[in-house]
Amino acid sequence: MTAGIKFPRMEGRSSRQAHCDLPGGTYEREFGSEGFFGPVSHLYHTHPPTGWSHWEGDLRPRAFDFGKLGHPAQSPWHATPVLHNAHLRLRLWHMAGTMDCLVCNADGDELLFVHQGQGNLFCDFGHMAFREGDYVLLPRGLRWRVECPQTASFLLIEATGESYRLPERGLVGPQAIFDSAMLDVPAIDDPFKAQQGETPWRVVIKRHQRFSTVTFPFNPLDAVGWHGDNLPVRINWRDIRPLMSHRYHLPPSAHATFAAKRFVVCTFVPRPLESDPGALKVPFYHSNNDFDEIIFYHQGEFFSRDNIRPGMMTLHPCGFPHGPHPKAFAAGVRAAKKDTDEVAVMIDARDAVDISEAAREAEWKEYVESWKI
């Protein structure tokens, strides 16, 4: 391998700085590999890269209205499956009341994103309250249950056969985006002690998508203390301080919150838009050739999408370019907005995801037509 500095070759009319000062009348498309970390080129087109007029076949941009999906379920094992592959499982869970058993995921770490509602989680390590906008990371093998005074809705993100970790922050340092000191942990407090006792409890364990039940003649959540760093943690999107550049639109990977081996979870939170006159103000068109992009829309106005509401999800598989809707791109050119108020969870999956029958029933099939000019 040749040592030294790598630099791009150039041909024709192009910008010397990606995402800035595009040649007049052109649309930039990023053609990359390894997410936004590998070799990359930028092409400058005379038409929008998403300006298709017709689409045939199963590979296409998709949107799902999950407000139409899901029935209340007392257990996460009855949550509605939506997307999955060998390393990732996404489910929607609507829950109210008190779980009458403990659950244990032996297949992988579980990440709960609280879309609506609030409640209390009881687990091996103690008690932890949660509210709308929280991520709650539950390590593989943990026994847990929740109590919700009213209906709460969760996006469940299982890292099948894997563990979550915090992403590498590189040059900006480990305190960037959020300091790990912001992670809250369970407490052995009065509510936790009050639920202990000699009443029999069941633990329903999931392994290879099959279930086994273990019954104890007492509540096994009976810890009196603990120490270590393999434990549940909680952080709210409001505690995330996004990386920003007023002169350059940062890629989604700059907003990574949790990472597994075969996918990454990013969080888009409100932030000022780029103010430099030559910088793109919306996500750039890109061909992310190794990852399927999934976005769950939590709240706010989603500045790069039209007709997308909270509770919806989009899927942009790899294999074709994607990017902002035409109206959003035009608004970005005009610098019509100065900041965003969107909150969304993005998952970039290295392996192609399959769509459940329930998700297909909630699909907005005309989504692919929404890029037409």
Protein backbone atom coordinates (compact mmCIF):
# COMPACT_ATOMS: atom_id res chain seq x y z
CA MET A 1 0.00 0.00 0.00
CA THR A 2 1.31 3.43 -0.91
CA ALA A 3 2.03 5.66 2.07
CA GLY A 4 1.29 9.36 2.22
CA ILE A 5 -1.75 11.58 1.79
CA LYS A 6 -4.65 10.37 -0.30
CA PHE A 7 -6.39 13.00 -2.39
CA PRO A 8 -9.19 12.92 -4.99
CA ARG A 9 -8.77 13.00 -8.72
CA MET A 10 -10.95 15.55 -10.52
CA GLU A 11 -12.64 15.84 -13.90
CA GLY A 12 -14.84 18.50 -15.45
CA ARG A 13 -16.78 21.02 -13.38
CA SER A 14 -16.75 20.18 -9.69
CA SER A 15 -16.42 21.71 -6.27
CA ARG A 16 -13.07 21.44 -4.50
CA GLN A 17 -14.90 21.24 -1.14
CA ALA A 18 -17.69 18.69 -0.77
CA HIS A 19 -21.16 20.06 0.12
CA CYS A 20 -20.11 23.66 -0.52
CA ASP A 21 -20.00 26.08 -3.46
CA LEU A 22 -21.49 23.72 -6.02
CA PRO A 23 -20.97 24.59 -9.70
CA GLY A 24 -23.92 26.59 -10.98
CA GLY A 25 -26.91 24.55 -12.06
CA THR A 26 -25.64 21.28 -10.56
CA TYR A 27 -26.74 18.81 -7.89
CA GLU A 28 -24.09 17.09 -5.82
CA ARG A 29 -24.29 13.35 -5.10
CA GLU A 30 -21.99 11.61 -2.66
CA PHE A 31 -20.93 8.14 -3.83
CA GLY A 32 -19.42 6.45 -0.80
CA SER A 33 -18.63 3.20 0.92
CA GLU A 34 -18.35 2.08 4.55
CA GLY A 35 -21.12 4.45 5.55
CA PHE A 36 -19.61 7.92 5.65
CA PHE A 37 -16.15 6.71 6.67
CA GLY A 38 -14.74 4.97 3.58
CA PRO A 39 -13.57 5.97 0.10
CA VAL A 40 -15.88 8.53 -1.44
CA SER A 41 -16.40 10.54 -4.61
CA HIS A 42 -18.73 13.43 -5.39
CA LEU A 43 -20.52 13.73 -8.69
CA TYR A 44 -22.16 16.91 -10.02
CA HIS A 45 -25.33 16.27 -12.00
CA THR A 46 -27.48 18.57 -14.10
CA HIS A 47 -30.68 16.92 -12.74
CA PRO A 48 -31.64 15.95 -9.19
CA PRO A 49 -30.33 12.42 -8.51
CA THR A 50 -33.77 11.46 -7.17
CA GLY A 51 -35.72 12.89 -10.10
CA TRP A 52 -37.10 9.57 -11.33
CA SER A 53 -40.39 9.38 -13.23
CA HIS A 54 -41.25 5.69 -12.79
CA TRP A 55 -40.19 2.82 -10.53
CA GLU A 56 -40.66 -0.93 -10.82
CA GLY A 57 -39.54 -3.67 -8.50
CA ASP A 58 -39.33 -4.29 -4.78
CA LEU A 59 -36.25 -2.12 -4.13
CA ARG A 60 -37.57 1.41 -3.56
CA PRO A 61 -37.81 4.12 -0.92
CA ARG A 62 -40.54 3.22 1.56
CA ALA A 63 -42.52 5.00 4.25
CA PHE A 64 -44.69 3.44 6.94
CA ASP A 65 -47.36 5.10 9.05
CA PHE A 66 -47.04 3.25 12.32
CA GLY A 67 -49.85 5.28 13.82
CA LYS A 68 -52.01 2.67 12.10
CA LEU A 69 -50.18 -0.20 13.71
CA GLY A 70 -49.98 -1.88 17.02
CA HIS A 71 -52.31 -3.03 19.75
CA PRO A 72 -51.65 -2.66 23.47
CA ALA A 73 -49.52 -5.53 24.74
CA GLN A 74 -48.41 -6.24 28.30
CA SER A 75 -45.16 -7.82 27.15
CA PRO A 76 -42.47 -6.65 24.72
CA TRP A 77 -42.55 -10.20 23.34
CA HIS A 78 -45.98 -9.33 21.90
CA ALA A 79 -44.77 -6.08 20.31
CA THR A 80 -45.35 -5.63 16.57
CA PRO A 81 -42.31 -6.56 14.45
CA VAL A 82 -41.58 -4.14 11.61
CA LEU A 83 -38.05 -4.54 10.18
CA HIS A 84 -35.30 -7.06 10.80
CA ASN A 85 -32.15 -8.78 9.63
CA ALA A 86 -29.78 -11.25 11.27
CA HIS A 87 -28.26 -8.54 13.51
CA LEU A 88 -31.14 -6.12 14.08
CA ARG A 89 -34.81 -6.39 15.04
CA LEU A 90 -37.18 -3.39 15.21
CA ARG A 91 -40.52 -3.67 17.01
CA LEU A 92 -43.25 -1.25 18.09
CA TRP A 93 -44.64 -1.66 21.58
CA HIS A 94 -47.73 0.05 23.02
CA MET A 95 -48.12 -0.65 26.71
CA ALA A 96 -50.28 0.51 29.61
CA GLY A 97 -50.50 -0.76 33.15
CA THR A 98 -48.17 -3.10 35.02
CA MET A 99 -46.37 -6.09 33.54
CA ASP A 100 -47.32 -9.26 35.41
CA CYS A 101 -43.99 -10.98 34.71
CA LEU A 102 -40.34 -10.22 34.17
CA VAL A 103 -38.76 -10.59 30.74
CA CYS A 104 -35.21 -11.42 29.71
CA ASN A 105 -33.75 -11.06 26.23
CA ALA A 106 -31.05 -13.70 25.75
CA ASP A 107 -30.70 -12.85 22.03
CA GLY A 108 -28.99 -9.46 22.38
CA ASP A 109 -29.00 -6.00 23.94
CA GLU A 110 -32.32 -4.15 23.75
CA LEU A 111 -32.53 -0.39 23.21
CA LEU A 112 -35.89 1.22 24.09
CA PHE A 113 -36.72 4.61 22.63
CA VAL A 114 -39.73 6.11 24.43
CA HIS A 115 -41.87 7.73 21.73
CA GLN A 116 -44.80 8.60 24.01
CA GLY A 117 -45.63 8.37 27.70
CA GLN A 118 -43.74 7.73 30.88
CA GLY A 119 -43.35 5.10 33.52
CA ASN A 120 -41.03 3.12 35.75
CA LEU A 121 -38.61 0.33 34.96
CA PHE A 122 -37.64 -2.29 37.52
CA CYS A 123 -34.70 -4.57 36.77
CA ASP A 124 -31.91 -6.55 38.41
CA PHE A 125 -30.05 -3.32 39.19
CA GLY A 126 -32.91 -1.37 40.72
CA HIS A 127 -35.55 1.18 39.73
CA MET A 128 -35.37 3.86 37.03
CA ALA A 129 -38.11 6.24 35.87
CA PHE A 130 -38.42 7.03 32.16
CA ARG A 131 -40.25 9.58 30.05
CA GLU A 132 -40.89 10.57 26.45
CA GLY A 133 -37.66 11.00 24.50
CA ASP A 134 -35.57 8.64 26.63
CA TYR A 135 -33.27 5.97 25.33
CA VAL A 136 -33.11 3.08 27.80
CA LEU A 137 -30.35 0.56 27.08
CA LEU A 138 -30.99 -2.91 28.55
CA PRO A 139 -28.03 -5.30 28.40
CA ARG A 140 -28.49 -8.84 27.14
CA GLY A 141 -29.59 -11.20 29.90
CA LEU A 142 -31.15 -8.48 32.09
CA ARG A 143 -34.42 -9.28 33.88
CA TRP A 144 -36.84 -6.35 33.77
CA ARG A 145 -40.40 -5.07 33.67
CA VAL A 146 -42.15 -1.71 33.32
CA GLU A 147 -45.12 0.04 34.89
CA CYS A 148 -46.93 2.72 32.85
CA PRO A 149 -49.74 4.78 34.40
CA GLN A 150 -51.09 5.50 30.92
CA THR A 151 -50.30 4.22 27.44
CA ALA A 152 -46.65 4.47 26.49
CA SER A 153 -45.21 3.76 23.05
CA PHE A 154 -41.71 2.42 22.44
CA LEU A 155 -39.48 1.72 19.48
CA LEU A 156 -37.53 -1.43 20.42
CA ILE A 157 -34.13 -1.80 18.73
CA GLU A 158 -32.59 -5.22 19.40
CA ALA A 159 -28.90 -5.79 18.65
CA THR A 160 -29.27 -9.51 17.95
CA GLY A 161 -26.20 -11.41 19.11
CA GLU A 162 -24.40 -8.14 19.84
CA SER A 163 -23.80 -5.47 22.46
CA TYR A 164 -24.16 -1.72 22.20
CA ARG A 165 -21.26 0.63 22.81
CA LEU A 166 -20.72 4.37 22.63
CA PRO A 167 -19.33 5.50 19.26
CA GLU A 168 -15.77 6.67 18.90
CA ARG A 169 -15.70 10.48 18.94
CA GLY A 170 -12.32 10.85 17.29
CA LEU A 171 -10.76 14.30 17.21
CA VAL A 172 -13.62 15.96 19.10
CA GLY A 173 -13.03 13.80 22.18
CA PRO A 174 -15.22 11.48 24.31
CA GLN A 175 -17.27 14.31 25.86
CA ALA A 176 -18.61 15.47 22.49
CA ILE A 177 -22.33 15.10 21.74
CA PHE A 178 -22.89 13.90 25.31
CA ASP A 179 -20.58 13.21 28.20
CA SER A 180 -20.92 9.64 29.48
CA ALA A 181 -21.51 11.23 32.89
CA MET A 182 -24.95 12.15 31.51
CA LEU A 183 -25.97 8.47 31.46
CA ASP A 184 -28.38 7.72 34.30
CA VAL A 185 -28.45 4.32 36.01
CA PRO A 186 -30.98 2.43 38.18
CA ALA A 187 -31.14 3.03 41.92
CA ILE A 188 -31.82 0.65 44.79
CA ASP A 189 -34.36 3.08 46.18
CA ASP A 190 -37.59 2.86 48.16
CA PRO A 191 -39.80 1.95 45.12
CA PHE A 192 -37.38 -0.87 44.26
CA LYS A 193 -37.34 -2.20 47.82
CA ALA A 194 -41.13 -1.93 48.07
CA GLN A 195 -41.67 -4.30 45.14
CA GLN A 196 -39.46 -7.03 46.66
CA GLY A 197 -41.09 -9.90 48.49
CA GLU A 198 -41.97 -13.58 48.65
CA THR A 199 -44.72 -13.48 46.00
CA PRO A 200 -44.04 -15.90 43.09
CA TRP A 201 -42.79 -14.29 39.87
CA ARG A 202 -42.33 -15.58 36.33
CA VAL A 203 -39.43 -14.68 34.05
CA VAL A 204 -40.13 -15.12 30.32
CA ILE A 205 -36.84 -15.58 28.46
CA LYS A 206 -36.46 -15.05 24.70
CA ARG A 207 -33.78 -17.05 22.91
CA HIS A 208 -33.70 -17.67 19.13
CA GLN A 209 -37.16 -16.05 19.03
CA ARG A 210 -38.52 -18.86 21.23
CA PHE A 211 -39.74 -18.42 24.79
CA SER A 212 -39.13 -20.24 28.06
CA THR A 213 -40.66 -19.40 31.42
CA VAL A 214 -38.90 -19.76 34.78
CA THR A 215 -40.97 -19.36 37.96
CA PHE A 216 -39.46 -18.27 41.27
CA PRO A 217 -41.26 -18.51 44.64
CA PHE A 218 -40.07 -14.94 45.32
CA ASN A 219 -39.33 -11.77 43.36
CA PRO A 220 -35.85 -12.28 41.88
CA LEU A 221 -35.34 -8.51 41.71
CA ASP A 222 -33.98 -8.67 45.25
CA ALA A 223 -30.51 -7.10 44.89
CA VAL A 224 -29.26 -5.03 47.83
CA GLY A 225 -26.28 -3.55 45.96
CA TRP A 226 -24.09 -3.73 42.88
CA HIS A 227 -21.00 -2.29 41.20
CA GLY A 228 -19.62 -2.46 37.66
CA ASP A 229 -20.21 -1.02 34.20
CA ASN A 230 -22.36 -3.65 32.44
CA LEU A 231 -25.74 -2.26 33.40
CA PRO A 232 -28.81 -0.41 32.10
CA VAL A 233 -28.40 3.26 31.22
CA ARG A 234 -30.76 6.05 30.22
CA ILE A 235 -30.32 9.29 28.32
CA ASN A 236 -32.87 11.69 26.85
CA TRP A 237 -32.52 13.31 23.43
CA ARG A 238 -32.68 16.68 25.19
CA ASP A 239 -29.30 15.87 26.75
CA ILE A 240 -27.65 15.45 23.35
CA ARG A 241 -25.59 18.40 22.08
CA PRO A 242 -25.14 17.86 18.33
CA LEU A 243 -21.93 18.54 16.48
CA MET A 244 -22.42 21.55 14.21
CA SER A 245 -20.57 23.47 11.55
CA HIS A 246 -21.92 26.73 10.21
CA ARG A 247 -19.88 26.29 7.01
CA TYR A 248 -20.35 22.57 6.22
CA HIS A 249 -23.26 20.10 6.39
CA LEU A 250 -22.09 17.21 8.57
CA PRO A 251 -22.97 13.61 7.61
CA PRO A 252 -25.45 11.59 9.70
CA SER A 253 -22.59 9.63 11.30
CA ALA A 254 -21.66 12.82 13.20
CA HIS A 255 -24.87 12.31 15.19
CA ALA A 256 -24.18 8.69 16.26
CA THR A 257 -25.54 7.89 19.72
CA PHE A 258 -25.03 4.12 20.06
CA ALA A 259 -23.17 1.62 17.90
CA ALA A 260 -23.27 -2.14 17.40
CA LYS A 261 -21.04 -4.20 15.12
CA ARG A 262 -23.41 -4.20 12.13
CA PHE A 263 -25.45 -1.01 12.62
CA VAL A 264 -25.37 2.39 14.25
CA VAL A 265 -28.11 4.42 15.98
CA CYS A 266 -28.03 8.20 15.37
CA THR A 267 -30.20 10.94 16.85
CA PHE A 268 -31.26 14.05 14.95
CA VAL A 269 -32.13 16.84 17.38
CA PRO A 270 -32.94 20.55 16.95
CA ARG A 271 -29.97 22.63 15.83
CA PRO A 272 -29.13 25.77 13.85
CA LEU A 273 -28.83 25.28 10.12
CA GLU A 274 -25.65 26.12 8.27
CA SER A 275 -25.27 29.86 7.77
CA ASP A 276 -22.42 30.05 5.25
CA PRO A 277 -23.87 31.20 1.89
CA GLY A 278 -22.07 28.43 -0.03
CA ALA A 279 -22.88 25.52 2.30
CA LEU A 280 -25.72 23.08 1.71
CA LYS A 281 -28.58 23.63 4.16
CA VAL A 282 -30.21 20.20 3.80
CA PRO A 283 -28.86 16.62 3.72
CA PHE A 284 -26.87 16.08 0.56
CA TYR A 285 -27.94 13.56 -2.08
CA HIS A 286 -25.99 10.41 -1.46
CA SER A 287 -25.52 6.82 -2.52
CA ASN A 288 -24.67 5.05 0.74
CA ASN A 289 -23.64 1.86 -0.98
CA ASP A 290 -23.18 -0.39 2.06
CA PHE A 291 -26.04 0.47 4.41
CA ASP A 292 -29.84 0.51 4.56
CA GLU A 293 -31.06 3.77 6.12
CA ILE A 294 -34.00 3.67 8.53
CA ILE A 295 -35.45 6.80 10.17
CA PHE A 296 -38.13 6.86 12.88
CA TYR A 297 -39.71 10.32 13.18
CA HIS A 298 -40.42 11.29 16.79
CA GLN A 299 -41.52 14.92 16.80
CA GLY A 300 -41.19 18.29 15.10
CA GLU A 301 -41.21 19.31 11.44
CA PHE A 302 -38.90 17.13 9.39
CA PHE A 303 -37.08 19.62 7.24
CA SER A 304 -35.85 17.20 4.56
CA ARG A 305 -39.17 15.37 4.04
CA ASP A 306 -42.70 16.25 2.90
CA ASN A 307 -45.86 14.73 4.38
CA ILE A 308 -44.01 12.88 7.14
CA ARG A 309 -45.60 12.89 10.59
CA PRO A 310 -44.41 11.80 14.04
CA GLY A 311 -44.73 8.04 14.43
CA MET A 312 -43.81 7.33 10.81
CA MET A 313 -40.73 5.48 9.59
CA THR A 314 -38.86 5.58 6.28
CA LEU A 315 -36.60 2.97 4.75
CA HIS A 316 -34.09 3.84 2.03
CA PRO A 317 -32.25 0.63 1.06
CA CYS A 318 -28.83 0.86 -0.50
CA GLY A 319 -28.68 0.54 -4.28
CA PHE A 320 -29.99 3.96 -5.33
CA PRO A 321 -29.37 7.61 -4.43
CA HIS A 322 -31.57 9.34 -1.91
CA GLY A 323 -31.76 12.72 -0.24
CA PRO A 324 -34.13 15.61 0.41
CA HIS A 325 -37.51 16.00 -1.23
CA PRO A 326 -37.62 18.63 -4.01
CA LYS A 327 -39.49 21.19 -1.89
CA ALA A 328 -37.04 20.74 0.97
CA PHE A 329 -34.06 21.11 -1.35
CA ALA A 330 -35.52 24.30 -2.85
CA ALA A 331 -36.18 25.69 0.63
CA GLY A 332 -32.59 24.91 1.58
CA VAL A 333 -31.28 26.79 -1.44
CA ARG A 334 -33.36 29.81 -0.39
CA ALA A 335 -32.18 29.40 3.22
CA ALA A 336 -35.85 29.60 4.14
CA LYS A 337 -35.21 28.19 7.62
CA LYS A 338 -32.53 29.12 10.13
CA ASP A 339 -32.84 26.08 12.40
CA THR A 340 -34.55 22.72 12.71
CA ASP A 341 -36.97 21.46 15.34
CA GLU A 342 -37.00 17.80 14.32
CA VAL A 343 -36.26 14.83 16.54
CA ALA A 344 -35.68 11.51 14.82
CA VAL A 345 -33.91 8.21 15.38
CA MET A 346 -31.82 6.99 12.43
CA ILE A 347 -30.48 3.46 12.09
CA ASP A 348 -27.88 2.64 9.44
CA ALA A 349 -27.84 -1.13 8.96
CA ARG A 350 -24.93 -2.86 7.25
CA ASP A 351 -27.14 -5.80 6.18
CA ALA A 352 -30.32 -5.59 4.12
CA VAL A 353 -33.46 -5.50 6.25
CA ASP A 354 -36.66 -7.48 5.66
CA ILE A 355 -40.10 -5.92 6.06
CA SER A 356 -42.75 -7.59 8.19
CA GLU A 357 -46.30 -8.16 6.98
CA ALA A 358 -47.58 -5.72 9.60
CA ALA A 359 -45.26 -3.00 8.28
CA ARG A 360 -46.35 -3.68 4.69
CA GLU A 361 -49.96 -3.15 5.75
CA ALA A 362 -49.02 0.30 7.10
CA GLU A 363 -46.93 1.32 4.09
CA TRP A 364 -47.57 4.59 2.28
CA LYS A 365 -47.04 3.14 -1.19
CA GLU A 366 -47.05 6.52 -2.94
CA TYR A 367 -43.93 7.59 -1.05
CA VAL A 368 -41.73 6.64 -4.01
CA GLU A 369 -43.68 9.12 -6.16
CA SER A 370 -43.05 12.02 -3.77
CA TRP A 371 -39.67 12.87 -5.33
CA LYS A 372 -41.15 13.63 -8.72
CA ILE A 373 -40.52 17.20 -9.78
